[in-house]
C-alpha atoms as a PDB file:
ATOM      1  CA  MET A   1      74.634 117.232  89.276  1.00  0.00           C
ATOM      2  CA  THR A   2      70.856 117.542  89.243  1.00  0.00           C
ATOM      3  CA  ASP A   3      71.160 121.244  88.421  1.00  0.00           C
ATOM      4  CA  LEU A   4      73.238 120.638  85.275  1.00  0.00           C
ATOM      5  CA  ARG A   5      71.636 122.163  82.201  1.00  0.00           C
ATOM      6  CA  ILE A   6      73.050 121.658  78.693  1.00  0.00           C
ATOM      7  CA  GLU A   7      71.752 123.922  75.949  1.00  0.00           C
ATOM      8  CA  PRO A   8      72.501 124.365  72.245  1.00  0.00           C
ATOM      9  CA  VAL A   9      74.347 127.626  71.650  1.00  0.00           C
ATOM     10  CA  ALA A  10      72.003 130.339  70.385  1.00  0.00           C
ATOM     11  CA  GLY A  11      72.688 134.061  70.299  1.00  0.00           C
ATOM     12  CA  GLU A  12      75.711 136.236  70.886  1.00  0.00           C
ATOM     13  CA  ARG A  13      75.873 135.777  74.662  1.00  0.00           C
ATOM     14  CA  MET A  14      76.013 131.985  74.385  1.00  0.00           C
ATOM     15  CA  LEU A  15      78.529 132.165  71.523  1.00  0.00           C
ATOM     16  CA  GLU A  16      80.780 134.303  73.714  1.00  0.00           C
ATOM     17  CA  GLN A  17      80.371 131.877  76.620  1.00  0.00           C
ATOM     18  CA  TRP A  18      81.275 128.909  74.403  1.00  0.00           C
ATOM     19  CA  ARG A  19      84.277 130.872  73.150  1.00  0.00           C
ATOM     20  CA  HIS A  20      85.392 131.607  76.713  1.00  0.00           C
ATOM     21  CA  VAL A  21      85.407 127.926  77.724  1.00  0.00           C
ATOM     22  CA  HIS A  22      87.089 126.854  74.495  1.00  0.00           C
ATOM     23  CA  ASN A  23      89.818 129.472  74.825  1.00  0.00           C
ATOM     24  CA  VAL A  24      90.493 128.639  78.504  1.00  0.00           C
ATOM     25  CA  ILE A  25      90.838 124.913  77.754  1.00  0.00           C
ATOM     26  CA  VAL A  26      92.790 125.156  74.485  1.00  0.00           C
ATOM     27  CA  PRO A  27      94.646 128.496  74.445  1.00  0.00           C
ATOM     28  CA  PRO A  28      96.846 127.503  71.482  1.00  0.00           C
ATOM     29  CA  ALA A  29      93.651 127.297  69.395  1.00  0.00           C
ATOM     30  CA  ALA A  30      92.008 130.427  70.826  1.00  0.00           C
ATOM     31  CA  MET A  31      89.195 131.637  68.595  1.00  0.00           C
ATOM     32  CA  SER A  32      87.686 135.010  67.829  1.00  0.00           C
ATOM     33  CA  LEU A  33      83.939 135.528  68.082  1.00  0.00           C
ATOM     34  CA  ASP A  34      83.721 135.559  64.268  1.00  0.00           C
ATOM     35  CA  GLU A  35      85.455 132.162  64.138  1.00  0.00           C
ATOM     36  CA  VAL A  36      82.985 130.789  66.699  1.00  0.00           C
ATOM     37  CA  ARG A  37      80.063 132.103  64.640  1.00  0.00           C
ATOM     38  CA  GLU A  38      81.439 130.327  61.582  1.00  0.00           C
ATOM     39  CA  ARG A  39      81.948 127.103  63.547  1.00  0.00           C
ATOM     40  CA  ALA A  40      78.392 127.296  64.891  1.00  0.00           C
ATOM     41  CA  GLY A  41      77.187 127.157  61.296  1.00  0.00           C
ATOM     42  CA  ARG A  42      78.967 123.835  60.703  1.00  0.00           C
ATOM     43  CA  TYR A  43      78.916 122.068  64.066  1.00  0.00           C
ATOM     44  CA  ARG A  44      76.591 121.574  67.025  1.00  0.00           C
ATOM     45  CA  LEU A  45      77.867 123.740  69.884  1.00  0.00           C
ATOM     46  CA  GLU A  46      76.444 123.448  73.398  1.00  0.00           C
ATOM     47  CA  ASN A  47      77.077 125.110  76.740  1.00  0.00           C
ATOM     48  CA  ALA A  48      76.695 123.504  80.164  1.00  0.00           C
ATOM     49  CA  TYR A  49      75.496 125.384  83.234  1.00  0.00           C
ATOM     50  CA  VAL A  50      74.880 124.657  86.878  1.00  0.00           C
ATOM     51  CA  GLY A  51      72.158 127.089  87.719  1.00  0.00           C
ATOM     52  CA  ASP A  52      73.336 130.197  85.887  1.00  0.00           C
ATOM     53  CA  VAL A  53      77.060 129.368  86.184  1.00  0.00           C
ATOM     54  CA  LEU A  54      78.834 128.324  82.988  1.00  0.00           C
ATOM     55  CA  VAL A  55      80.792 125.101  83.627  1.00  0.00           C
ATOM     56  CA  GLY A  56      81.645 123.761  80.175  1.00  0.00           C
ATOM     57  CA  CYS A  57      80.917 123.437  76.488  1.00  0.00           C
ATOM     58  CA  SER A  58      80.951 120.874  73.734  1.00  0.00           C
ATOM     59  CA  THR A  59      81.350 120.500  70.003  1.00  0.00           C
ATOM     60  CA  VAL A  60      79.936 117.777  67.779  1.00  0.00           C
ATOM     61  CA  ARG A  61      81.247 117.671  64.238  1.00  0.00           C
ATOM     62  CA  PRO A  62      78.805 115.775  62.007  1.00  0.00           C
ATOM     63  CA  PRO A  63      79.614 112.370  60.521  1.00  0.00           C
ATOM     64  CA  GLU A  64      81.622 112.399  57.314  1.00  0.00           C
ATOM     65  CA  GLY A  65      83.393 109.997  54.996  1.00  0.00           C
ATOM     66  CA  GLU A  66      82.822 106.317  54.294  1.00  0.00           C
ATOM     67  CA  GLU A  67      83.057 105.426  57.975  1.00  0.00           C
ATOM     68  CA  ALA A  68      80.695 108.254  59.001  1.00  0.00           C
ATOM     69  CA  VAL A  69      83.245 109.615  61.501  1.00  0.00           C
ATOM     70  CA  ALA A  70      81.859 112.185  63.930  1.00  0.00           C
ATOM     71  CA  THR A  71      83.991 114.149  66.370  1.00  0.00           C
ATOM     72  CA  VAL A  72      82.757 114.797  69.911  1.00  0.00           C
ATOM     73  CA  ILE A  73      84.671 117.210  72.141  1.00  0.00           C
ATOM     74  CA  ALA A  74      83.672 117.974  75.747  1.00  0.00           C
ATOM     75  CA  ARG A  75      85.358 120.795  77.693  1.00  0.00           C
ATOM     76  CA  VAL A  76      84.911 121.615  81.373  1.00  0.00           C
ATOM     77  CA  LEU A  77      86.421 124.609  83.147  1.00  0.00           C
ATOM     78  CA  PRO A  78      89.102 123.551  85.650  1.00  0.00           C
ATOM     79  CA  GLU A  79      87.151 124.692  88.721  1.00  0.00           C
ATOM     80  CA  SER A  80      84.158 122.562  87.666  1.00  0.00           C
ATOM     81  CA  ARG A  81      85.924 119.265  86.954  1.00  0.00           C
ATOM     82  CA  ARG A  82      85.429 115.893  88.661  1.00  0.00           C
ATOM     83  CA  ARG A  83      81.692 116.398  89.149  1.00  0.00           C
ATOM     84  CA  GLY A  84      80.404 114.446  86.136  1.00  0.00           C
ATOM     85  CA  PHE A  85      79.851 117.465  83.888  1.00  0.00           C
ATOM     86  CA  GLY A  86      82.344 116.283  81.263  1.00  0.00           C
ATOM     87  CA  ALA A  87      80.770 112.838  81.202  1.00  0.00           C
ATOM     88  CA  ALA A  88      77.319 114.354  80.727  1.00  0.00           C
ATOM     89  CA  LEU A  89      78.537 116.583  77.879  1.00  0.00           C
ATOM     90  CA  TYR A  90      80.373 113.672  76.273  1.00  0.00           C
ATOM     91  CA  GLU A  91      77.433 111.255  76.518  1.00  0.00           C
ATOM     92  CA  ARG A  92      75.020 113.826  75.112  1.00  0.00           C
ATOM     93  CA  GLY A  93      77.427 114.549  72.258  1.00  0.00           C
ATOM     94  CA  VAL A  94      77.837 110.870  71.406  1.00  0.00           C
ATOM     95  CA  ASP A  95      74.072 110.346  71.497  1.00  0.00           C
ATOM     96  CA  TYR A  96      73.590 113.289  69.130  1.00  0.00           C
ATOM     97  CA  ALA A  97      76.340 112.046  66.787  1.00  0.00           C
ATOM     98  CA  ARG A  98      74.769 108.576  66.656  1.00  0.00           C
ATOM     99  CA  VAL A  99      71.347 110.058  65.813  1.00  0.00           C
ATOM    100  CA  GLN A 100      73.077 111.925  62.973  1.00  0.00           C
ATOM    101  CA  GLY A 101      74.357 108.595  61.605  1.00  0.00           C
ATOM    102  CA  ALA A 102      77.841 108.363  63.095  1.00  0.00           C
ATOM    103  CA  GLY A 103      79.475 104.988  62.625  1.00  0.00           C
ATOM    104  CA  VAL A 104      82.707 106.004  64.364  1.00  0.00           C
ATOM    105  CA  ILE A 105      83.295 108.513  67.183  1.00  0.00           C
ATOM    106  CA  GLU A 106      86.545 110.427  67.516  1.00  0.00           C
ATOM    107  CA  THR A 107      87.752 113.213  69.748  1.00  0.00           C
ATOM    108  CA  VAL A 108      90.616 115.692  69.580  1.00  0.00           C
ATOM    109  CA  VAL A 109      92.733 116.637  72.603  1.00  0.00           C
ATOM    110  CA  LEU A 110      95.716 118.925  73.031  1.00  0.00           C
ATOM    111  CA  ALA A 111      98.488 116.448  73.983  1.00  0.00           C
ATOM    112  CA  GLU A 112      99.652 118.552  76.931  1.00  0.00           C
ATOM    113  CA  ASN A 113      96.130 118.324  78.409  1.00  0.00           C
ATOM    114  CA  GLU A 114      96.890 115.152  80.349  1.00  0.00           C
ATOM    115  CA  GLU A 115      93.581 115.314  82.197  1.00  0.00           C
ATOM    116  CA  GLY A 116      91.697 115.456  78.895  1.00  0.00           C
ATOM    117  CA  VAL A 117      93.687 112.531  77.495  1.00  0.00           C
ATOM    118  CA  ARG A 118      92.952 110.465  80.628  1.00  0.00           C
ATOM    119  CA  PHE A 119      89.240 111.372  80.381  1.00  0.00           C
ATOM    120  CA  ALA A 120      89.110 110.124  76.773  1.00  0.00           C
ATOM    121  CA  GLU A 121      91.085 106.957  77.483  1.00  0.00           C
ATOM    122  CA  ALA A 122      88.856 106.132  80.472  1.00  0.00           C
ATOM    123  CA  ARG A 123      85.894 106.138  78.062  1.00  0.00           C
ATOM    124  CA  GLY A 124      87.535 103.723  75.631  1.00  0.00           C
ATOM    125  CA  PHE A 125      89.273 106.098  73.225  1.00  0.00           C
ATOM    126  CA  ALA A 126      92.679 105.172  71.804  1.00  0.00           C
ATOM    127  CA  GLU A 127      95.133 107.429  70.012  1.00  0.00           C
ATOM    128  CA  VAL A 128      95.093 107.102  66.227  1.00  0.00           C
ATOM    129  CA  GLU A 129      97.054 110.198  65.214  1.00  0.00           C
ATOM    130  CA  ARG A 130      99.473 112.817  66.554  1.00  0.00           C
ATOM    131  CA  TYR A 131      99.952 115.986  64.587  1.00  0.00           C
ATOM    132  CA  VAL A 132     101.187 119.575  64.666  1.00  0.00           C
ATOM    133  CA  LEU A 133      99.321 122.221  62.678  1.00  0.00           C
ATOM    134  CA  ASP A 134     101.330 124.074  60.036  1.00  0.00           C
ATOM    135  CA  GLY A 135     103.440 126.819  61.543  1.00  0.00           C
ATOM    136  CA  GLU A 136     102.702 125.745  65.126  1.00  0.00           C
ATOM    137  CA  THR A 137     104.451 123.654  67.781  1.00  0.00           C
ATOM    138  CA  ASP A 138     101.559 122.273  69.858  1.00  0.00           C
ATOM    139  CA  VAL A 139     100.917 118.546  69.523  1.00  0.00           C
ATOM    140  CA  TRP A 140      97.311 117.427  69.027  1.00  0.00           C
ATOM    141  CA  LEU A 141      95.897 113.921  69.399  1.00  0.00           C
ATOM    142  CA  THR A 142      93.043 112.347  67.504  1.00  0.00           C
ATOM    143  CA  LEU A 143      91.576 109.513  69.531  1.00  0.00           C
ATOM    144  CA  ARG A 144      89.013 106.984  68.313  1.00  0.00           C
ATOM    145  CA  LEU A 145      86.389 105.212  70.382  1.00  0.00           C
ATOM    146  CA  ALA A 146      86.990 101.473  70.269  1.00  0.00           C
ATOM    147  CA  GLY A 147      84.154  99.229  69.123  1.00  0.00           C
END
């Protein structure tokens, strides 16, 4: 993993790369490039590379509310999993959220993504909410980091 490079998303090429990973991992929530641009204005988006090969991306939503809840989401392309890339993205995201004042860390996972749910649970997250977005059928989980 020594070649892993994680960079904040900047420019159209990196926005498109982030979009690609996001849309592969969560097709029910596929986003247009305009939606990614809007999200980049509100959240910290990063891409992960090994050499020049895109392997994943992350999102950190800033802390909000009385509990200062931040959301950290790490995504790794299927062919790049089980090499520590997700852990590196997750740890970097949590560190960033804490620097921004997060008191609580949450994540969001598509319920059918069993591998993603196991990844979160292995890091101490527990389910706090199940929901379906209006007009949709996919079940989403909000998980909260214990302690």
